[in-house]
Amino acid sequence: MSFDNIAVTVREGDTFDELQLNIEKPWGTPHDYSNSVLIADIRRFFNDSTDPESAVDSWGIVETDPTNGKVSLRLSSRQTEALGRNVPLGYEERGINQGGLATATDQSDETQGAFLWDLREYFSTPQATIIGITAGTTFTVGGITVSKVRITTQDPHLLTSEDQILLSGTGQAVYDGVNFQDNKIGFISPTVFEIEPNTAGQPQFSAGSTTGTVSLYKEDTLAIGTLEVIPRISRDSI
């Protein structure tokens, strides 16, 4: 499974723990995600700037065999009870004509009838070897003149200004493992770049180093799909 589209239908109030996935990248090759972080969200839409917010819940993730790409996605009965029900699907699936009373009683919470969901992988890949961290171009923040963090790499770093980077092995806690998510990169040469400070003036140069690794922080969508919750109904309810 690599970027599959998987439709899932569950019954309101039931625990669902049957979605066993095998991640393959490329096809036919088990993908080792033991050094990655997996996130599986349930969404109204694939757009976080909407109101109400897109993400409404998350799948429970059970890493059954990370080195061989095996993972299980699970929903609790509390989750299926809380998620909006696709009432028409519930009746149609059982071949029951939905009467006027049922229509008035069983209102679907989600007008579109189906949620979207996705499984994503967050990971980092080594990009370049650091041979120097020094003070770079000066800038002013809060009336004080300070320096940007300038990084020199052994070989061309091949970065873009929008890349999200992680530094490791520099021996400096102010850089190692820090997520520079809201920072852009300014280029001096193919082997020299500076981390552009954010509106709070971070990061700024505070300690030098002659070692370390620049890694690229990446996100990969492994699977997308739909999730529908049908109501617990019977013929006696009509």
C-alpha atoms as a PDB file:
ATOM      1  CA  MET A   1       0.000   0.000   0.000  1.00  0.00           C
ATOM      2  CA  SER A   2       1.418   3.320  -1.081  1.00  0.00           C
ATOM      3  CA  PHE A   3      -1.023   6.170  -1.609  1.00  0.00           C
ATOM      4  CA  ASP A   4      -4.105   3.986  -1.666  1.00  0.00           C
ATOM      5  CA  ASN A   5      -7.682   5.251  -1.620  1.00  0.00           C
ATOM      6  CA  ILE A   6      -9.563   3.222   0.979  1.00  0.00           C
ATOM      7  CA  ALA A   7     -13.284   3.516   1.688  1.00  0.00           C
ATOM      8  CA  VAL A   8     -14.334   2.443   5.193  1.00  0.00           C
ATOM      9  CA  THR A   9     -17.875   1.992   6.542  1.00  0.00           C
ATOM     10  CA  VAL A  10     -18.484   1.409  10.251  1.00  0.00           C
ATOM     11  CA  ARG A  11     -21.597   1.106  12.415  1.00  0.00           C
ATOM     12  CA  GLU A  12     -22.448   3.706  15.033  1.00  0.00           C
ATOM     13  CA  GLY A  13     -21.328   2.631  18.510  1.00  0.00           C
ATOM     14  CA  ASP A  14     -19.120  -0.246  17.334  1.00  0.00           C
ATOM     15  CA  THR A  15     -15.379  -0.574  17.859  1.00  0.00           C
ATOM     16  CA  PHE A  16     -13.587  -0.851  14.527  1.00  0.00           C
ATOM     17  CA  ASP A  17     -10.124  -2.394  14.548  1.00  0.00           C
ATOM     18  CA  GLU A  18      -9.978  -4.222  11.229  1.00  0.00           C
ATOM     19  CA  LEU A  19      -7.997  -1.831   9.022  1.00  0.00           C
ATOM     20  CA  GLN A  20      -4.641  -3.579   8.689  1.00  0.00           C
ATOM     21  CA  LEU A  21      -2.307  -1.801   6.257  1.00  0.00           C
ATOM     22  CA  ASN A  22       0.975  -2.846   4.664  1.00  0.00           C
ATOM     23  CA  ILE A  23       2.988   0.155   3.515  1.00  0.00           C
ATOM     24  CA  GLU A  24       5.052  -0.498   0.394  1.00  0.00           C
ATOM     25  CA  LYS A  25       7.412   2.078  -1.133  1.00  0.00           C
ATOM     26  CA  PRO A  26       7.920   1.261  -3.973  1.00  0.00           C
ATOM     27  CA  TRP A  27       5.192  -1.270  -4.698  1.00  0.00           C
ATOM     28  CA  GLY A  28       6.171  -4.750  -3.571  1.00  0.00           C
ATOM     29  CA  THR A  29       8.833  -3.512  -1.138  1.00  0.00           C
ATOM     30  CA  PRO A  30       7.946  -3.263   2.592  1.00  0.00           C
ATOM     31  CA  HIS A  31       8.592   0.274   3.855  1.00  0.00           C
ATOM     32  CA  ASP A  32      10.475   0.651   7.139  1.00  0.00           C
ATOM     33  CA  TYR A  33       8.860   3.536   9.031  1.00  0.00           C
ATOM     34  CA  SER A  34      10.509   2.823  12.389  1.00  0.00           C
ATOM     35  CA  ASN A  35      12.304   6.196  12.287  1.00  0.00           C
ATOM     36  CA  SER A  36       9.206   8.113  11.214  1.00  0.00           C
ATOM     37  CA  VAL A  37       6.095   9.489  12.892  1.00  0.00           C
ATOM     38  CA  LEU A  38       2.717   8.368  11.535  1.00  0.00           C
ATOM     39  CA  ILE A  39      -0.416  10.519  11.844  1.00  0.00           C
ATOM     40  CA  ALA A  40      -3.923   9.502  10.729  1.00  0.00           C
ATOM     41  CA  ASP A  41      -6.604  12.200  10.896  1.00  0.00           C
ATOM     42  CA  ILE A  42     -10.331  12.111  10.217  1.00  0.00           C
ATOM     43  CA  ARG A  43     -11.421  15.256   8.398  1.00  0.00           C
ATOM     44  CA  ARG A  44     -14.454  17.027   7.041  1.00  0.00           C
ATOM     45  CA  PHE A  45     -12.362  18.358   4.182  1.00  0.00           C
ATOM     46  CA  PHE A  46      -8.679  18.483   3.282  1.00  0.00           C
ATOM     47  CA  ASN A  47      -8.404  22.125   4.226  1.00  0.00           C
ATOM     48  CA  ASP A  48      -7.400  23.362   7.674  1.00  0.00           C
ATOM     49  CA  SER A  49      -8.468  26.970   7.037  1.00  0.00           C
ATOM     50  CA  THR A  50     -12.173  26.134   7.036  1.00  0.00           C
ATOM     51  CA  ASP A  51     -14.784  26.782   9.712  1.00  0.00           C
ATOM     52  CA  PRO A  52     -15.584  24.411  11.303  1.00  0.00           C
ATOM     53  CA  GLU A  53     -12.079  23.021  11.336  1.00  0.00           C
ATOM     54  CA  SER A  54     -11.251  20.202   8.971  1.00  0.00           C
ATOM     55  CA  ALA A  55      -9.798  17.652  11.410  1.00  0.00           C
ATOM     56  CA  VAL A  56     -12.467  16.208  13.707  1.00  0.00           C
ATOM     57  CA  ASP A  57     -10.665  13.204  15.219  1.00  0.00           C
ATOM     58  CA  SER A  58      -7.758  10.813  14.772  1.00  0.00           C
ATOM     59  CA  TRP A  59      -7.404   7.116  14.155  1.00  0.00           C
ATOM     60  CA  GLY A  60      -5.709   5.066  16.824  1.00  0.00           C
ATOM     61  CA  ILE A  61      -2.417   3.888  15.327  1.00  0.00           C
ATOM     62  CA  VAL A  62      -0.954   0.521  16.315  1.00  0.00           C
ATOM     63  CA  GLU A  63       2.485  -0.076  14.826  1.00  0.00           C
ATOM     64  CA  THR A  64       2.310  -3.841  14.462  1.00  0.00           C
ATOM     65  CA  ASP A  65       5.628  -4.271  12.592  1.00  0.00           C
ATOM     66  CA  PRO A  66       7.330  -0.947  11.736  1.00  0.00           C
ATOM     67  CA  THR A  67      10.360  -2.426   9.965  1.00  0.00           C
ATOM     68  CA  ASN A  68       8.089  -4.333   7.572  1.00  0.00           C
ATOM     69  CA  GLY A  69       5.621  -1.483   7.077  1.00  0.00           C
ATOM     70  CA  LYS A  70       2.703  -3.038   8.960  1.00  0.00           C
ATOM     71  CA  VAL A  71       0.272  -0.761  10.791  1.00  0.00           C
ATOM     72  CA  SER A  72      -3.262  -1.041  12.170  1.00  0.00           C
ATOM     73  CA  LEU A  73      -5.761   1.838  12.274  1.00  0.00           C
ATOM     74  CA  ARG A  74      -8.460   1.614  14.925  1.00  0.00           C
ATOM     75  CA  LEU A  75     -11.558   3.495  16.045  1.00  0.00           C
ATOM     76  CA  SER A  76     -13.147   3.213  19.473  1.00  0.00           C
ATOM     77  CA  SER A  77     -16.883   2.837  20.032  1.00  0.00           C
ATOM     78  CA  ARG A  78     -16.821   6.318  21.579  1.00  0.00           C
ATOM     79  CA  GLN A  79     -15.495   7.705  18.293  1.00  0.00           C
ATOM     80  CA  THR A  80     -18.052   5.996  16.065  1.00  0.00           C
ATOM     81  CA  GLU A  81     -20.810   7.100  18.432  1.00  0.00           C
ATOM     82  CA  ALA A  82     -19.645  10.713  18.235  1.00  0.00           C
ATOM     83  CA  LEU A  83     -19.035  10.916  14.478  1.00  0.00           C
ATOM     84  CA  GLY A  84     -21.858  12.096  12.250  1.00  0.00           C
ATOM     85  CA  ARG A  85     -24.057   9.328  10.882  1.00  0.00           C
ATOM     86  CA  ASN A  86     -24.833   8.813   7.226  1.00  0.00           C
ATOM     87  CA  VAL A  87     -28.514   7.994   7.803  1.00  0.00           C
ATOM     88  CA  PRO A  88     -29.533   7.368   4.158  1.00  0.00           C
ATOM     89  CA  LEU A  89     -26.658   4.902   3.805  1.00  0.00           C
ATOM     90  CA  GLY A  90     -27.882   3.058   6.892  1.00  0.00           C
ATOM     91  CA  TYR A  91     -31.333   2.460   5.420  1.00  0.00           C
ATOM     92  CA  GLU A  92     -30.231   1.828   1.844  1.00  0.00           C
ATOM     93  CA  GLU A  93     -27.666  -0.746   2.963  1.00  0.00           C
ATOM     94  CA  ARG A  94     -30.467  -2.781   4.570  1.00  0.00           C
ATOM     95  CA  GLY A  95     -32.934  -2.297   1.729  1.00  0.00           C
ATOM     96  CA  ILE A  96     -35.356  -0.359   3.943  1.00  0.00           C
ATOM     97  CA  ASN A  97     -37.466   2.528   2.708  1.00  0.00           C
ATOM     98  CA  GLN A  98     -36.832   5.512   4.943  1.00  0.00           C
ATOM     99  CA  GLY A  99     -40.221   6.763   6.138  1.00  0.00           C
ATOM    100  CA  GLY A 100     -41.204  10.285   7.102  1.00  0.00           C
ATOM    101  CA  LEU A 101     -40.945   9.549  10.825  1.00  0.00           C
ATOM    102  CA  ALA A 102     -37.451   8.098  10.388  1.00  0.00           C
ATOM    103  CA  THR A 103     -36.367  11.128   8.405  1.00  0.00           C
ATOM    104  CA  ALA A 104     -37.520  13.402  11.213  1.00  0.00           C
ATOM    105  CA  THR A 105     -35.939  11.252  13.932  1.00  0.00           C
ATOM    106  CA  ASP A 106     -32.587  10.241  12.415  1.00  0.00           C
ATOM    107  CA  GLN A 107     -30.869  13.397  11.298  1.00  0.00           C
ATOM    108  CA  SER A 108     -27.380  13.055   9.896  1.00  0.00           C
ATOM    109  CA  ASP A 109     -24.799  15.153  11.738  1.00  0.00           C
ATOM    110  CA  GLU A 110     -22.616  15.569   8.649  1.00  0.00           C
ATOM    111  CA  THR A 111     -24.475  16.898   5.630  1.00  0.00           C
ATOM    112  CA  GLN A 112     -21.991  15.397   3.161  1.00  0.00           C
ATOM    113  CA  GLY A 113     -22.544  11.950   4.680  1.00  0.00           C
ATOM    114  CA  ALA A 114     -18.879  10.965   4.636  1.00  0.00           C
ATOM    115  CA  PHE A 115     -15.669  12.017   6.329  1.00  0.00           C
ATOM    116  CA  LEU A 116     -12.288  12.041   4.627  1.00  0.00           C
ATOM    117  CA  TRP A 117      -9.237  10.534   6.275  1.00  0.00           C
ATOM    118  CA  ASP A 118      -5.558  10.335   5.524  1.00  0.00           C
ATOM    119  CA  LEU A 119      -2.483   8.541   6.834  1.00  0.00           C
ATOM    120  CA  ARG A 120       0.701  10.612   6.732  1.00  0.00           C
ATOM    121  CA  GLU A 121       4.338   9.936   7.470  1.00  0.00           C
ATOM    122  CA  TYR A 122       6.705  12.563   8.890  1.00  0.00           C
ATOM    123  CA  PHE A 123      10.421  11.892   8.567  1.00  0.00           C
ATOM    124  CA  SER A 124      13.772  13.496   7.850  1.00  0.00           C
ATOM    125  CA  THR A 125      16.504  12.669   5.351  1.00  0.00           C
ATOM    126  CA  PRO A 126      20.167  13.775   5.586  1.00  0.00           C
ATOM    127  CA  GLN A 127      20.861  16.556   3.093  1.00  0.00           C
ATOM    128  CA  ALA A 128      24.373  17.890   3.764  1.00  0.00           C
ATOM    129  CA  THR A 129      27.335  17.665   6.143  1.00  0.00           C
ATOM    130  CA  ILE A 130      28.089  20.796   8.161  1.00  0.00           C
ATOM    131  CA  ILE A 131      31.680  22.025   8.330  1.00  0.00           C
ATOM    132  CA  GLY A 132      30.950  25.349   9.987  1.00  0.00           C
ATOM    133  CA  ILE A 133      28.327  27.355  11.877  1.00  0.00           C
ATOM    134  CA  THR A 134      29.269  31.007  12.219  1.00  0.00           C
ATOM    135  CA  ALA A 135      27.781  34.456  12.672  1.00  0.00           C
ATOM    136  CA  GLY A 136      26.237  35.689   9.440  1.00  0.00           C
ATOM    137  CA  THR A 137      24.511  38.828   8.225  1.00  0.00           C
ATOM    138  CA  THR A 138      23.459  41.233  10.960  1.00  0.00           C
ATOM    139  CA  PHE A 139      19.872  42.307  11.597  1.00  0.00           C
ATOM    140  CA  THR A 140      18.057  44.343  14.222  1.00  0.00           C
ATOM    141  CA  VAL A 141      15.448  42.983  16.598  1.00  0.00           C
ATOM    142  CA  GLY A 142      14.085  44.920  19.571  1.00  0.00           C
ATOM    143  CA  GLY A 143      16.575  47.696  18.890  1.00  0.00           C
ATOM    144  CA  ILE A 144      19.544  45.316  19.252  1.00  0.00           C
ATOM    145  CA  THR A 145      21.857  44.301  16.408  1.00  0.00           C
ATOM    146  CA  VAL A 146      22.430  40.537  16.263  1.00  0.00           C
ATOM    147  CA  SER A 147      23.608  38.032  13.642  1.00  0.00           C
ATOM    148  CA  LYS A 148      21.862  35.362  11.600  1.00  0.00           C
ATOM    149  CA  VAL A 149      22.980  31.746  11.807  1.00  0.00           C
ATOM    150  CA  ARG A 150      25.259  31.031   8.820  1.00  0.00           C
ATOM    151  CA  ILE A 151      25.885  27.398   7.881  1.00  0.00           C
ATOM    152  CA  THR A 152      28.635  26.123   5.587  1.00  0.00           C
ATOM    153  CA  THR A 153      28.323  22.617   4.156  1.00  0.00           C
ATOM    154  CA  GLN A 154      30.959  20.269   2.793  1.00  0.00           C
ATOM    155  CA  ASP A 155      29.163  19.793  -0.538  1.00  0.00           C
ATOM    156  CA  PRO A 156      26.392  21.789  -2.248  1.00  0.00           C
ATOM    157  CA  HIS A 157      23.371  21.699   0.063  1.00  0.00           C
ATOM    158  CA  LEU A 158      20.760  21.649  -2.765  1.00  0.00           C
ATOM    159  CA  LEU A 159      18.183  23.380  -0.556  1.00  0.00           C
ATOM    160  CA  THR A 160      15.359  25.704  -1.571  1.00  0.00           C
ATOM    161  CA  SER A 161      14.215  28.768   0.352  1.00  0.00           C
ATOM    162  CA  GLU A 162      11.007  26.983   1.438  1.00  0.00           C
ATOM    163  CA  ASP A 163      12.639  23.807   2.762  1.00  0.00           C
ATOM    164  CA  GLN A 164      12.050  22.944   6.396  1.00  0.00           C
ATOM    165  CA  ILE A 165      15.317  21.807   7.966  1.00  0.00           C
ATOM    166  CA  LEU A 166      16.586  20.095  11.095  1.00  0.00           C
ATOM    167  CA  LEU A 167      20.121  20.317  12.444  1.00  0.00           C
ATOM    168  CA  SER A 168      21.748  17.523  14.417  1.00  0.00           C
ATOM    169  CA  GLY A 169      25.182  16.599  15.738  1.00  0.00           C
ATOM    170  CA  THR A 170      26.350  20.197  16.090  1.00  0.00           C
ATOM    171  CA  GLY A 171      26.938  19.803  19.826  1.00  0.00           C
ATOM    172  CA  GLN A 172      24.872  22.937  20.451  1.00  0.00           C
ATOM    173  CA  ALA A 173      21.447  22.570  22.069  1.00  0.00           C
ATOM    174  CA  VAL A 174      20.281  25.853  20.518  1.00  0.00           C
ATOM    175  CA  TYR A 175      20.416  24.184  17.074  1.00  0.00           C
ATOM    176  CA  ASP A 176      20.181  20.414  17.500  1.00  0.00           C
ATOM    177  CA  GLY A 177      16.664  19.048  17.067  1.00  0.00           C
ATOM    178  CA  VAL A 178      15.106  22.513  16.780  1.00  0.00           C
ATOM    179  CA  ASN A 179      12.255  22.670  14.282  1.00  0.00           C
ATOM    180  CA  PHE A 180      12.877  25.669  12.019  1.00  0.00           C
ATOM    181  CA  GLN A 181       9.394  25.344  10.524  1.00  0.00           C
ATOM    182  CA  ASP A 182       8.583  29.026  10.241  1.00  0.00           C
ATOM    183  CA  ASN A 183      12.016  30.015   8.945  1.00  0.00           C
ATOM    184  CA  LYS A 184      13.053  30.545   5.339  1.00  0.00           C
ATOM    185  CA  ILE A 185      16.572  30.042   4.018  1.00  0.00           C
ATOM    186  CA  GLY A 186      18.763  32.746   2.486  1.00  0.00           C
ATOM    187  CA  PHE A 187      21.539  31.667   0.107  1.00  0.00           C
ATOM    188  CA  ILE A 188      25.084  32.986   0.047  1.00  0.00           C
ATOM    189  CA  SER A 189      26.578  30.317  -2.239  1.00  0.00           C
ATOM    190  CA  PRO A 190      25.897  26.664  -3.184  1.00  0.00           C
ATOM    191  CA  THR A 191      27.554  25.586   0.072  1.00  0.00           C
ATOM    192  CA  VAL A 192      26.635  28.499   2.359  1.00  0.00           C
ATOM    193  CA  PHE A 193      23.188  29.524   3.577  1.00  0.00           C
ATOM    194  CA  GLU A 194      21.630  31.467   6.428  1.00  0.00           C
ATOM    195  CA  ILE A 195      18.519  30.700   8.431  1.00  0.00           C
ATOM    196  CA  GLU A 196      16.240  33.724   8.129  1.00  0.00           C
ATOM    197  CA  PRO A 197      14.895  34.809  11.564  1.00  0.00           C
ATOM    198  CA  ASN A 198      11.145  34.860  12.173  1.00  0.00           C
ATOM    199  CA  THR A 199       9.261  37.902  13.475  1.00  0.00           C
ATOM    200  CA  ALA A 200      10.519  37.151  16.995  1.00  0.00           C
ATOM    201  CA  GLY A 201      14.122  37.303  15.771  1.00  0.00           C
ATOM    202  CA  GLN A 202      14.797  33.580  16.051  1.00  0.00           C
ATOM    203  CA  PRO A 203      17.096  31.951  15.425  1.00  0.00           C
ATOM    204  CA  GLN A 204      20.040  34.227  15.957  1.00  0.00           C
ATOM    205  CA  PHE A 205      23.672  33.234  16.206  1.00  0.00           C
ATOM    206  CA  SER A 206      24.781  32.259  19.689  1.00  0.00           C
ATOM    207  CA  ALA A 207      27.294  29.428  19.331  1.00  0.00           C
ATOM    208  CA  GLY A 208      29.631  28.145  16.626  1.00  0.00           C
ATOM    209  CA  SER A 209      30.332  24.596  15.495  1.00  0.00           C
ATOM    210  CA  THR A 210      32.415  22.714  12.944  1.00  0.00           C
ATOM    211  CA  THR A 211      30.356  19.539  12.723  1.00  0.00           C
ATOM    212  CA  GLY A 212      26.807  18.281  12.256  1.00  0.00           C
ATOM    213  CA  THR A 213      24.206  17.344   9.655  1.00  0.00           C
ATOM    214  CA  VAL A 214      21.509  19.276   7.821  1.00  0.00           C
ATOM    215  CA  SER A 215      18.410  17.133   7.309  1.00  0.00           C
ATOM    216  CA  LEU A 216      15.265  17.835   5.338  1.00  0.00           C
ATOM    217  CA  TYR A 217      11.996  17.483   7.246  1.00  0.00           C
ATOM    218  CA  LYS A 218       9.455  15.803   4.980  1.00  0.00           C
ATOM    219  CA  GLU A 219       5.817  14.737   4.888  1.00  0.00           C
ATOM    220  CA  ASP A 220       4.430  11.950   2.728  1.00  0.00           C
ATOM    221  CA  THR A 221       0.765  10.972   2.345  1.00  0.00           C
ATOM    222  CA  LEU A 222       0.565   7.182   2.452  1.00  0.00           C
ATOM    223  CA  ALA A 223      -3.189   6.665   2.123  1.00  0.00           C
ATOM    224  CA  ILE A 224      -6.391   8.637   1.732  1.00  0.00           C
ATOM    225  CA  GLY A 225      -9.967   7.518   1.896  1.00  0.00           C
ATOM    226  CA  THR A 226     -13.516   8.021   3.072  1.00  0.00           C
ATOM    227  CA  LEU A 227     -15.097   7.052   6.379  1.00  0.00           C
ATOM    228  CA  GLU A 228     -18.845   6.660   6.765  1.00  0.00           C
ATOM    229  CA  VAL A 229     -20.731   5.845   9.957  1.00  0.00           C
ATOM    230  CA  ILE A 230     -24.126   4.186   9.539  1.00  0.00           C
ATOM    231  CA  PRO A 231     -26.766   4.288  12.296  1.00  0.00           C
ATOM    232  CA  ARG A 232     -27.707   1.270  14.397  1.00  0.00           C
ATOM    233  CA  ILE A 233     -31.191   0.660  13.012  1.00  0.00           C
ATOM    234  CA  SER A 234     -33.432  -2.330  12.355  1.00  0.00           C
ATOM    235  CA  ARG A 235     -36.670  -2.963  10.516  1.00  0.00           C
ATOM    236  CA  ASP A 236     -38.489  -2.562  13.823  1.00  0.00           C
ATOM    237  CA  SER A 237     -37.417   1.073  13.970  1.00  0.00           C
ATOM    238  CA  ILE A 238     -39.612   2.022  11.024  1.00  0.00           C
END
